[in-house]
Amino acid sequence: MKTEEKEKKSYDTTNFHIFVWLLMNDVPLIKVFWASDKSGDRDQAHFVFEDFPKRKELIDKFFEQKQLQKWIITTQEAKSRMYANRTPVEYDRK
């Protein structure tokens, strides 16, 4: 058996909403890890799942869910409004 056949293929995403969608659809999660984004400015969560033959169709179905997409956009807008007038917390760095 070839080495690549022994290794399970995986699917990695940084999209929190796709992460939740895959969990809701019982896709096995392998791990979550943090890594710097492309600019190196901030860490990003990476969600790694076992890959499976119908992954593309399942993710396409996520984007076809109009009500779900509206909920995500509205939630993001609500968070922006909620934090817009909040003064940032300053920490004393010693």
PDB file of N, CA and C in Angstrom:
ATOM      1  N   MET A   1       0.831  -1.177   0.000  1.00  0.00           N
ATOM      2  CA  MET A   1       0.000   0.000   0.000  1.00  0.00           C
ATOM      3  C   MET A   1       0.879   1.244   0.000  1.00  0.00           C
ATOM      4  N   LYS A   2       0.534   2.201  -0.838  1.00  0.00           N
ATOM      5  CA  LYS A   2       1.313   3.430  -0.909  1.00  0.00           C
ATOM      6  C   LYS A   2       1.131   4.258   0.360  1.00  0.00           C
ATOM      7  N   THR A   3       2.120   5.101   0.638  1.00  0.00           N
ATOM      8  CA  THR A   3       2.064   5.943   1.817  1.00  0.00           C
ATOM      9  C   THR A   3       0.843   6.860   1.787  1.00  0.00           C
ATOM     10  N   GLU A   4       0.551   7.461   0.621  1.00  0.00           N
ATOM     11  CA  GLU A   4      -0.584   8.383   0.567  1.00  0.00           C
ATOM     12  C   GLU A   4      -1.910   7.664   0.773  1.00  0.00           C
ATOM     13  N   GLU A   5      -1.987   6.387   0.449  1.00  0.00           N
ATOM     14  CA  GLU A   5      -3.213   5.642   0.694  1.00  0.00           C
ATOM     15  C   GLU A   5      -3.412   5.378   2.185  1.00  0.00           C
ATOM     16  N   LYS A   6      -2.317   5.252   2.904  1.00  0.00           N
ATOM     17  CA  LYS A   6      -2.394   5.021   4.349  1.00  0.00           C
ATOM     18  C   LYS A   6      -2.876   6.272   5.071  1.00  0.00           C
ATOM     19  N   GLU A   7      -2.444   7.445   4.582  1.00  0.00           N
ATOM     20  CA  GLU A   7      -2.817   8.697   5.218  1.00  0.00           C
ATOM     21  C   GLU A   7      -4.245   9.064   4.822  1.00  0.00           C
ATOM     22  N   LYS A   8      -5.017   9.462   5.817  1.00  0.00           N
ATOM     23  CA  LYS A   8      -6.361   9.932   5.512  1.00  0.00           C
ATOM     24  C   LYS A   8      -6.250  11.327   4.930  1.00  0.00           C
ATOM     25  N   LYS A   9      -7.023  11.579   3.892  1.00  0.00           N
ATOM     26  CA  LYS A   9      -7.032  12.913   3.306  1.00  0.00           C
ATOM     27  C   LYS A   9      -7.840  13.832   4.207  1.00  0.00           C
ATOM     28  N   SER A  10      -7.472  15.105   4.188  1.00  0.00           N
ATOM     29  CA  SER A  10      -8.149  16.054   5.065  1.00  0.00           C
ATOM     30  C   SER A  10      -8.594  17.289   4.291  1.00  0.00           C
ATOM     31  N   TYR A  11      -9.492  18.029   4.901  1.00  0.00           N
ATOM     32  CA  TYR A  11      -9.985  19.289   4.372  1.00  0.00           C
ATOM     33  C   TYR A  11      -9.802  20.330   5.463  1.00  0.00           C
ATOM     34  N   ASP A  12      -9.138  21.440   5.135  1.00  0.00           N
ATOM     35  CA  ASP A  12      -8.797  22.494   6.080  1.00  0.00           C
ATOM     36  C   ASP A  12      -9.550  23.764   5.688  1.00  0.00           C
ATOM     37  N   THR A  13     -10.215  24.387   6.653  1.00  0.00           N
ATOM     38  CA  THR A  13     -10.876  25.662   6.398  1.00  0.00           C
ATOM     39  C   THR A  13     -10.626  26.604   7.567  1.00  0.00           C
ATOM     40  N   THR A  14     -10.627  27.900   7.275  1.00  0.00           N
ATOM     41  CA  THR A  14     -10.542  28.913   8.329  1.00  0.00           C
ATOM     42  C   THR A  14     -11.897  29.590   8.507  1.00  0.00           C
ATOM     43  N   ASN A  15     -12.873  29.181   7.734  1.00  0.00           N
ATOM     44  CA  ASN A  15     -14.210  29.771   7.791  1.00  0.00           C
ATOM     45  C   ASN A  15     -14.998  29.155   8.948  1.00  0.00           C
ATOM     46  N   PHE A  16     -15.296  29.969   9.960  1.00  0.00           N
ATOM     47  CA  PHE A  16     -15.993  29.485  11.142  1.00  0.00           C
ATOM     48  C   PHE A  16     -17.359  28.896  10.792  1.00  0.00           C
ATOM     49  N   HIS A  17     -18.079  29.527   9.882  1.00  0.00           N
ATOM     50  CA  HIS A  17     -19.434  29.084   9.550  1.00  0.00           C
ATOM     51  C   HIS A  17     -19.415  27.739   8.805  1.00  0.00           C
ATOM     52  N   ILE A  18     -18.438  27.540   7.942  1.00  0.00           N
ATOM     53  CA  ILE A  18     -18.308  26.230   7.284  1.00  0.00           C
ATOM     54  C   ILE A  18     -17.904  25.178   8.309  1.00  0.00           C
ATOM     55  N   PHE A  19     -17.044  25.560   9.249  1.00  0.00           N
ATOM     56  CA  PHE A  19     -16.660  24.677  10.352  1.00  0.00           C
ATOM     57  C   PHE A  19     -17.906  24.175  11.082  1.00  0.00           C
ATOM     58  N   VAL A  20     -18.795  25.100  11.457  1.00  0.00           N
ATOM     59  CA  VAL A  20     -20.012  24.726  12.169  1.00  0.00           C
ATOM     60  C   VAL A  20     -20.920  23.871  11.279  1.00  0.00           C
ATOM     61  N   TRP A  21     -21.048  24.239  10.001  1.00  0.00           N
ATOM     62  CA  TRP A  21     -21.877  23.488   9.050  1.00  0.00           C
ATOM     63  C   TRP A  21     -21.405  22.036   8.938  1.00  0.00           C
ATOM     64  N   LEU A  22     -20.101  21.845   8.812  1.00  0.00           N
ATOM     65  CA  LEU A  22     -19.570  20.482   8.697  1.00  0.00           C
ATOM     66  C   LEU A  22     -19.802  19.701   9.991  1.00  0.00           C
ATOM     67  N   LEU A  23     -19.630  20.345  11.139  1.00  0.00           N
ATOM     68  CA  LEU A  23     -19.922  19.676  12.407  1.00  0.00           C
ATOM     69  C   LEU A  23     -21.394  19.276  12.485  1.00  0.00           C
ATOM     70  N   MET A  24     -22.280  20.188  12.061  1.00  0.00           N
ATOM     71  CA  MET A  24     -23.716  19.904  12.076  1.00  0.00           C
ATOM     72  C   MET A  24     -24.066  18.702  11.192  1.00  0.00           C
ATOM     73  N   ASN A  25     -23.250  18.501  10.174  1.00  0.00           N
ATOM     74  CA  ASN A  25     -23.494  17.404   9.240  1.00  0.00           C
ATOM     75  C   ASN A  25     -22.636  16.175   9.553  1.00  0.00           C
ATOM     76  N   ASP A  26     -22.157  16.121  10.783  1.00  0.00           N
ATOM     77  CA  ASP A  26     -21.445  14.950  11.309  1.00  0.00           C
ATOM     78  C   ASP A  26     -20.167  14.579  10.565  1.00  0.00           C
ATOM     79  N   VAL A  27     -19.484  15.575  10.014  1.00  0.00           N
ATOM     80  CA  VAL A  27     -18.186  15.323   9.380  1.00  0.00           C
ATOM     81  C   VAL A  27     -17.151  15.239  10.505  1.00  0.00           C
ATOM     82  N   PRO A  28     -16.357  14.163  10.552  1.00  0.00           N
ATOM     83  CA  PRO A  28     -15.385  14.004  11.643  1.00  0.00           C
ATOM     84  C   PRO A  28     -14.297  15.093  11.641  1.00  0.00           C
ATOM     85  N   LEU A  29     -14.180  15.763  12.777  1.00  0.00           N
ATOM     86  CA  LEU A  29     -13.156  16.784  12.968  1.00  0.00           C
ATOM     87  C   LEU A  29     -11.866  16.102  13.400  1.00  0.00           C
ATOM     88  N   ILE A  30     -10.773  16.439  12.739  1.00  0.00           N
ATOM     89  CA  ILE A  30      -9.470  15.878  13.094  1.00  0.00           C
ATOM     90  C   ILE A  30      -8.794  16.746  14.159  1.00  0.00           C
ATOM     91  N   LYS A  31      -8.735  18.068  13.878  1.00  0.00           N
ATOM     92  CA  LYS A  31      -8.079  18.957  14.842  1.00  0.00           C
ATOM     93  C   LYS A  31      -8.404  20.410  14.526  1.00  0.00           C
ATOM     94  N   VAL A  32      -8.128  21.261  15.511  1.00  0.00           N
ATOM     95  CA  VAL A  32      -8.204  22.710  15.369  1.00  0.00           C
ATOM     96  C   VAL A  32      -6.835  23.230  15.774  1.00  0.00           C
ATOM     97  N   PHE A  33      -6.271  24.119  14.961  1.00  0.00           N
ATOM     98  CA  PHE A  33      -4.990  24.710  15.332  1.00  0.00           C
ATOM     99  C   PHE A  33      -4.968  26.173  14.910  1.00  0.00           C
ATOM    100  N   TRP A  34      -4.066  26.915  15.517  1.00  0.00           N
ATOM    101  CA  TRP A  34      -3.925  28.334  15.239  1.00  0.00           C
ATOM    102  C   TRP A  34      -2.639  28.574  14.467  1.00  0.00           C
ATOM    103  N   ALA A  35      -2.724  29.447  13.451  1.00  0.00           N
ATOM    104  CA  ALA A  35      -1.544  29.793  12.660  1.00  0.00           C
ATOM    105  C   ALA A  35      -1.686  31.239  12.203  1.00  0.00           C
ATOM    106  N   SER A  36      -0.564  31.878  11.914  1.00  0.00           N
ATOM    107  CA  SER A  36      -0.590  33.258  11.433  1.00  0.00           C
ATOM    108  C   SER A  36      -1.235  33.321  10.062  1.00  0.00           C
ATOM    109  N   ASP A  37      -1.972  34.404   9.823  1.00  0.00           N
ATOM    110  CA  ASP A  37      -2.555  34.586   8.494  1.00  0.00           C
ATOM    111  C   ASP A  37      -1.453  34.971   7.515  1.00  0.00           C
ATOM    112  N   LYS A  38      -1.811  35.166   6.257  1.00  0.00           N
ATOM    113  CA  LYS A  38      -0.809  35.420   5.208  1.00  0.00           C
ATOM    114  C   LYS A  38       0.035  36.655   5.474  1.00  0.00           C
ATOM    115  N   SER A  39      -0.564  37.666   6.101  1.00  0.00           N
ATOM    116  CA  SER A  39       0.193  38.883   6.389  1.00  0.00           C
ATOM    117  C   SER A  39       1.081  38.728   7.625  1.00  0.00           C
ATOM    118  N   GLY A  40       0.790  37.697   8.428  1.00  0.00           N
ATOM    119  CA  GLY A  40       1.552  37.477   9.649  1.00  0.00           C
ATOM    120  C   GLY A  40       1.105  38.352  10.794  1.00  0.00           C
ATOM    121  N   ASP A  41       0.036  39.123  10.555  1.00  0.00           N
ATOM    122  CA  ASP A  41      -0.440  40.071  11.575  1.00  0.00           C
ATOM    123  C   ASP A  41      -1.205  39.414  12.709  1.00  0.00           C
ATOM    124  N   ARG A  42      -1.952  38.367  12.404  1.00  0.00           N
ATOM    125  CA  ARG A  42      -2.791  37.783  13.454  1.00  0.00           C
ATOM    126  C   ARG A  42      -2.919  36.284  13.256  1.00  0.00           C
ATOM    127  N   ASP A  43      -3.234  35.629  14.350  1.00  0.00           N
ATOM    128  CA  ASP A  43      -3.451  34.186  14.272  1.00  0.00           C
ATOM    129  C   ASP A  43      -4.862  33.903  13.794  1.00  0.00           C
ATOM    130  N   GLN A  44      -4.991  32.809  13.069  1.00  0.00           N
ATOM    131  CA  GLN A  44      -6.278  32.363  12.556  1.00  0.00           C
ATOM    132  C   GLN A  44      -6.493  30.920  12.964  1.00  0.00           C
ATOM    133  N   ALA A  45      -7.729  30.599  13.291  1.00  0.00           N
ATOM    134  CA  ALA A  45      -8.056  29.208  13.605  1.00  0.00           C
ATOM    135  C   ALA A  45      -8.207  28.432  12.299  1.00  0.00           C
ATOM    136  N   HIS A  46      -7.649  27.246  12.280  1.00  0.00           N
ATOM    137  CA  HIS A  46      -7.792  26.321  11.149  1.00  0.00           C
ATOM    138  C   HIS A  46      -8.547  25.105  11.664  1.00  0.00           C
ATOM    139  N   PHE A  47      -9.553  24.700  10.906  1.00  0.00           N
ATOM    140  CA  PHE A  47     -10.385  23.562  11.276  1.00  0.00           C
ATOM    141  C   PHE A  47     -10.126  22.460  10.257  1.00  0.00           C
ATOM    142  N   VAL A  48      -9.644  21.331  10.725  1.00  0.00           N
ATOM    143  CA  VAL A  48      -9.250  20.247   9.828  1.00  0.00           C
ATOM    144  C   VAL A  48     -10.211  19.073  10.013  1.00  0.00           C
ATOM    145  N   PHE A  49     -10.825  18.681   8.917  1.00  0.00           N
ATOM    146  CA  PHE A  49     -11.787  17.586   8.898  1.00  0.00           C
ATOM    147  C   PHE A  49     -11.272  16.440   8.048  1.00  0.00           C
ATOM    148  N   GLU A  50     -11.814  15.253   8.299  1.00  0.00           N
ATOM    149  CA  GLU A  50     -11.572  14.145   7.382  1.00  0.00           C
ATOM    150  C   GLU A  50     -12.259  14.509   6.075  1.00  0.00           C
ATOM    151  N   ASP A  51     -11.566  14.330   4.974  1.00  0.00           N
ATOM    152  CA  ASP A  51     -12.172  14.623   3.682  1.00  0.00           C
ATOM    153  C   ASP A  51     -13.088  13.474   3.282  1.00  0.00           C
ATOM    154  N   PHE A  52     -14.028  13.748   2.408  1.00  0.00           N
ATOM    155  CA  PHE A  52     -14.962  12.712   1.971  1.00  0.00           C
ATOM    156  C   PHE A  52     -15.445  13.064   0.565  1.00  0.00           C
ATOM    157  N   PRO A  53     -15.918  12.087  -0.174  1.00  0.00           N
ATOM    158  CA  PRO A  53     -16.244  12.282  -1.594  1.00  0.00           C
ATOM    159  C   PRO A  53     -17.271  13.385  -1.881  1.00  0.00           C
ATOM    160  N   LYS A  54     -18.249  13.591  -1.041  1.00  0.00           N
ATOM    161  CA  LYS A  54     -19.316  14.560  -1.323  1.00  0.00           C
ATOM    162  C   LYS A  54     -19.102  15.907  -0.615  1.00  0.00           C
ATOM    163  N   ARG A  55     -17.846  16.195  -0.243  1.00  0.00           N
ATOM    164  CA  ARG A  55     -17.562  17.440   0.482  1.00  0.00           C
ATOM    165  C   ARG A  55     -17.975  18.670  -0.314  1.00  0.00           C
ATOM    166  N   LYS A  56     -17.608  18.741  -1.590  1.00  0.00           N
ATOM    167  CA  LYS A  56     -17.929  19.907  -2.405  1.00  0.00           C
ATOM    168  C   LYS A  56     -19.438  20.129  -2.461  1.00  0.00           C
ATOM    169  N   GLU A  57     -20.201  19.078  -2.637  1.00  0.00           N
ATOM    170  CA  GLU A  57     -21.658  19.205  -2.700  1.00  0.00           C
ATOM    171  C   GLU A  57     -22.232  19.707  -1.376  1.00  0.00           C
ATOM    172  N   LEU A  58     -21.689  19.212  -0.263  1.00  0.00           N
ATOM    173  CA  LEU A  58     -22.176  19.637   1.045  1.00  0.00           C
ATOM    174  C   LEU A  58     -21.871  21.114   1.288  1.00  0.00           C
ATOM    175  N   ILE A  59     -20.690  21.558   0.909  1.00  0.00           N
ATOM    176  CA  ILE A  59     -20.329  22.966   1.084  1.00  0.00           C
ATOM    177  C   ILE A  59     -21.145  23.846   0.127  1.00  0.00           C
ATOM    178  N   ASP A  60     -21.378  23.375  -1.093  1.00  0.00           N
ATOM    179  CA  ASP A  60     -22.240  24.120  -2.020  1.00  0.00           C
ATOM    180  C   ASP A  60     -23.642  24.276  -1.431  1.00  0.00           C
ATOM    181  N   LYS A  61     -24.118  23.242  -0.779  1.00  0.00           N
ATOM    182  CA  LYS A  61     -25.438  23.281  -0.144  1.00  0.00           C
ATOM    183  C   LYS A  61     -25.470  24.350   0.954  1.00  0.00           C
ATOM    184  N   PHE A  62     -24.374  24.502   1.679  1.00  0.00           N
ATOM    185  CA  PHE A  62     -24.258  25.543   2.703  1.00  0.00           C
ATOM    186  C   PHE A  62     -24.503  26.922   2.079  1.00  0.00           C
ATOM    187  N   PHE A  63     -23.862  27.199   0.939  1.00  0.00           N
ATOM    188  CA  PHE A  63     -23.994  28.502   0.300  1.00  0.00           C
ATOM    189  C   PHE A  63     -25.356  28.699  -0.370  1.00  0.00           C
ATOM    190  N   GLU A  64     -26.059  27.622  -0.643  1.00  0.00           N
ATOM    191  CA  GLU A  64     -27.389  27.709  -1.249  1.00  0.00           C
ATOM    192  C   GLU A  64     -28.478  28.014  -0.223  1.00  0.00           C
ATOM    193  N   GLN A  65     -28.185  27.851   1.048  1.00  0.00           N
ATOM    194  CA  GLN A  65     -29.161  28.076   2.119  1.00  0.00           C
ATOM    195  C   GLN A  65     -29.352  29.580   2.321  1.00  0.00           C
ATOM    196  N   LYS A  66     -30.325  30.154   1.633  1.00  0.00           N
ATOM    197  CA  LYS A  66     -30.545  31.608   1.671  1.00  0.00           C
ATOM    198  C   LYS A  66     -30.801  32.123   3.086  1.00  0.00           C
ATOM    199  N   GLN A  67     -31.634  31.439   3.819  1.00  0.00           N
ATOM    200  CA  GLN A  67     -31.975  31.880   5.177  1.00  0.00           C
ATOM    201  C   GLN A  67     -30.740  31.818   6.079  1.00  0.00           C
ATOM    202  N   LEU A  68     -29.943  30.789   5.939  1.00  0.00           N
ATOM    203  CA  LEU A  68     -28.713  30.650   6.723  1.00  0.00           C
ATOM    204  C   LEU A  68     -27.727  31.760   6.378  1.00  0.00           C
ATOM    205  N   GLN A  69     -27.569  32.051   5.099  1.00  0.00           N
ATOM    206  CA  GLN A  69     -26.654  33.109   4.676  1.00  0.00           C
ATOM    207  C   GLN A  69     -27.118  34.465   5.218  1.00  0.00           C
ATOM    208  N   LYS A  70     -28.428  34.688   5.189  1.00  0.00           N
ATOM    209  CA  LYS A  70     -28.972  35.936   5.724  1.00  0.00           C
ATOM    210  C   LYS A  70     -28.711  36.028   7.224  1.00  0.00           C
ATOM    211  N   TRP A  71     -28.860  34.920   7.932  1.00  0.00           N
ATOM    212  CA  TRP A  71     -28.606  34.897   9.368  1.00  0.00           C
ATOM    213  C   TRP A  71     -27.141  35.244   9.658  1.00  0.00           C
ATOM    214  N   ILE A  72     -26.215  34.684   8.893  1.00  0.00           N
ATOM    215  CA  ILE A  72     -24.781  34.949   9.097  1.00  0.00           C
ATOM    216  C   ILE A  72     -24.482  36.430   8.875  1.00  0.00           C
ATOM    217  N   ILE A  73     -24.973  36.984   7.777  1.00  0.00           N
ATOM    218  CA  ILE A  73     -24.720  38.391   7.459  1.00  0.00           C
ATOM    219  C   ILE A  73     -25.335  39.295   8.524  1.00  0.00           C
ATOM    220  N   THR A  74     -26.554  38.991   8.941  1.00  0.00           N
ATOM    221  CA  THR A  74     -27.233  39.798   9.945  1.00  0.00           C
ATOM    222  C   THR A  74     -26.510  39.713  11.290  1.00  0.00           C
ATOM    223  N   THR A  75     -26.032  38.544  11.658  1.00  0.00           N
ATOM    224  CA  THR A  75     -25.277  38.374  12.900  1.00  0.00           C
ATOM    225  C   THR A  75     -23.995  39.201  12.867  1.00  0.00           C
ATOM    226  N   GLN A  76     -23.299  39.177  11.750  1.00  0.00           N
ATOM    227  CA  GLN A  76     -22.065  39.954  11.626  1.00  0.00           C
ATOM    228  C   GLN A  76     -22.352  41.453  11.717  1.00  0.00           C
ATOM    229  N   GLU A  77     -23.441  41.880  11.078  1.00  0.00           N
ATOM    230  CA  GLU A  77     -23.825  43.293  11.148  1.00  0.00           C
ATOM    231  C   GLU A  77     -24.196  43.683  12.578  1.00  0.00           C
ATOM    232  N   ALA A  78     -24.933  42.818  13.252  1.00  0.00           N
ATOM    233  CA  ALA A  78     -25.329  43.093  14.633  1.00  0.00           C
ATOM    234  C   ALA A  78     -24.103  43.220  15.542  1.00  0.00           C
ATOM    235  N   LYS A  79     -23.126  42.348  15.346  1.00  0.00           N
ATOM    236  CA  LYS A  79     -21.893  42.433  16.154  1.00  0.00           C
ATOM    237  C   LYS A  79     -21.154  43.734  15.878  1.00  0.00           C
ATOM    238  N   SER A  80     -21.107  44.148  14.611  1.00  0.00           N
ATOM    239  CA  SER A  80     -20.447  45.414  14.266  1.00  0.00           C
ATOM    240  C   SER A  80     -21.116  46.575  14.977  1.00  0.00           C
ATOM    241  N   ARG A  81     -22.439  46.584  14.962  1.00  0.00           N
ATOM    242  CA  ARG A  81     -23.173  47.654  15.641  1.00  0.00           C
ATOM    243  C   ARG A  81     -22.975  47.593  17.152  1.00  0.00           C
ATOM    244  N   MET A  82     -22.961  46.389  17.689  1.00  0.00           N
ATOM    245  CA  MET A  82     -22.829  46.210  19.127  1.00  0.00           C
ATOM    246  C   MET A  82     -21.485  46.738  19.628  1.00  0.00           C
ATOM    247  N   TYR A  83     -20.430  46.518  18.854  1.00  0.00           N
ATOM    248  CA  TYR A  83     -19.092  46.914  19.292  1.00  0.00           C
ATOM    249  C   TYR A  83     -18.659  48.277  18.754  1.00  0.00           C
ATOM    250  N   ALA A  84     -19.457  48.897  17.892  1.00  0.00           N
ATOM    251  CA  ALA A  84     -19.074  50.164  17.270  1.00  0.00           C
ATOM    252  C   ALA A  84     -18.882  51.283  18.292  1.00  0.00           C
ATOM    253  N   ASN A  85     -19.727  51.333  19.298  1.00  0.00           N
ATOM    254  CA  ASN A  85     -19.662  52.416  20.281  1.00  0.00           C
ATOM    255  C   ASN A  85     -18.953  52.023  21.561  1.00  0.00           C
ATOM    256  N   ARG A  86     -18.390  50.871  21.571  1.00  0.00           N
ATOM    257  CA  ARG A  86     -17.701  50.399  22.768  1.00  0.00           C
ATOM    258  C   ARG A  86     -16.245  50.829  22.707  1.00  0.00           C
ATOM    259  N   THR A  87     -15.806  51.500  23.746  1.00  0.00           N
ATOM    260  CA  THR A  87     -14.404  51.932  23.755  1.00  0.00           C
ATOM    261  C   THR A  87     -13.506  50.725  23.982  1.00  0.00           C
ATOM    262  N   PRO A  88     -12.398  50.685  23.286  1.00  0.00           N
ATOM    263  CA  PRO A  88     -11.500  49.530  23.463  1.00  0.00           C
ATOM    264  C   PRO A  88     -10.904  49.485  24.862  1.00  0.00           C
ATOM    265  N   VAL A  89     -10.688  48.308  25.333  1.00  0.00           N
ATOM    266  CA  VAL A  89     -10.084  48.110  26.646  1.00  0.00           C
ATOM    267  C   VAL A  89      -8.574  48.257  26.473  1.00  0.00           C
ATOM    268  N   GLU A  90      -7.989  49.076  27.336  1.00  0.00           N
ATOM    269  CA  GLU A  90      -6.548  49.230  27.292  1.00  0.00           C
ATOM    270  C   GLU A  90      -5.941  48.496  28.466  1.00  0.00           C
ATOM    271  N   TYR A  91      -4.941  47.719  28.176  1.00  0.00           N
ATOM    272  CA  TYR A  91      -4.274  46.922  29.202  1.00  0.00           C
ATOM    273  C   TYR A  91      -2.945  47.558  29.547  1.00  0.00           C
ATOM    274  N   ASP A  92      -2.633  47.530  30.820  1.00  0.00           N
ATOM    275  CA  ASP A  92      -1.372  48.072  31.286  1.00  0.00           C
ATOM    276  C   ASP A  92      -0.280  47.045  30.996  1.00  0.00           C
ATOM    277  N   ARG A  93       0.611  47.381  30.094  1.00  0.00           N
ATOM    278  CA  ARG A  93       1.707  46.461  29.759  1.00  0.00           C
ATOM    279  C   ARG A  93       2.951  46.884  30.527  1.00  0.00           C
ATOM    280  N   LYS A  94       3.467  45.983  31.284  1.00  0.00           N
ATOM    281  CA  LYS A  94       4.657  46.295  32.079  1.00  0.00           C
ATOM    282  C   LYS A  94       5.879  45.655  31.503  1.00  0.00           C
TER     283      LYS A  94
END
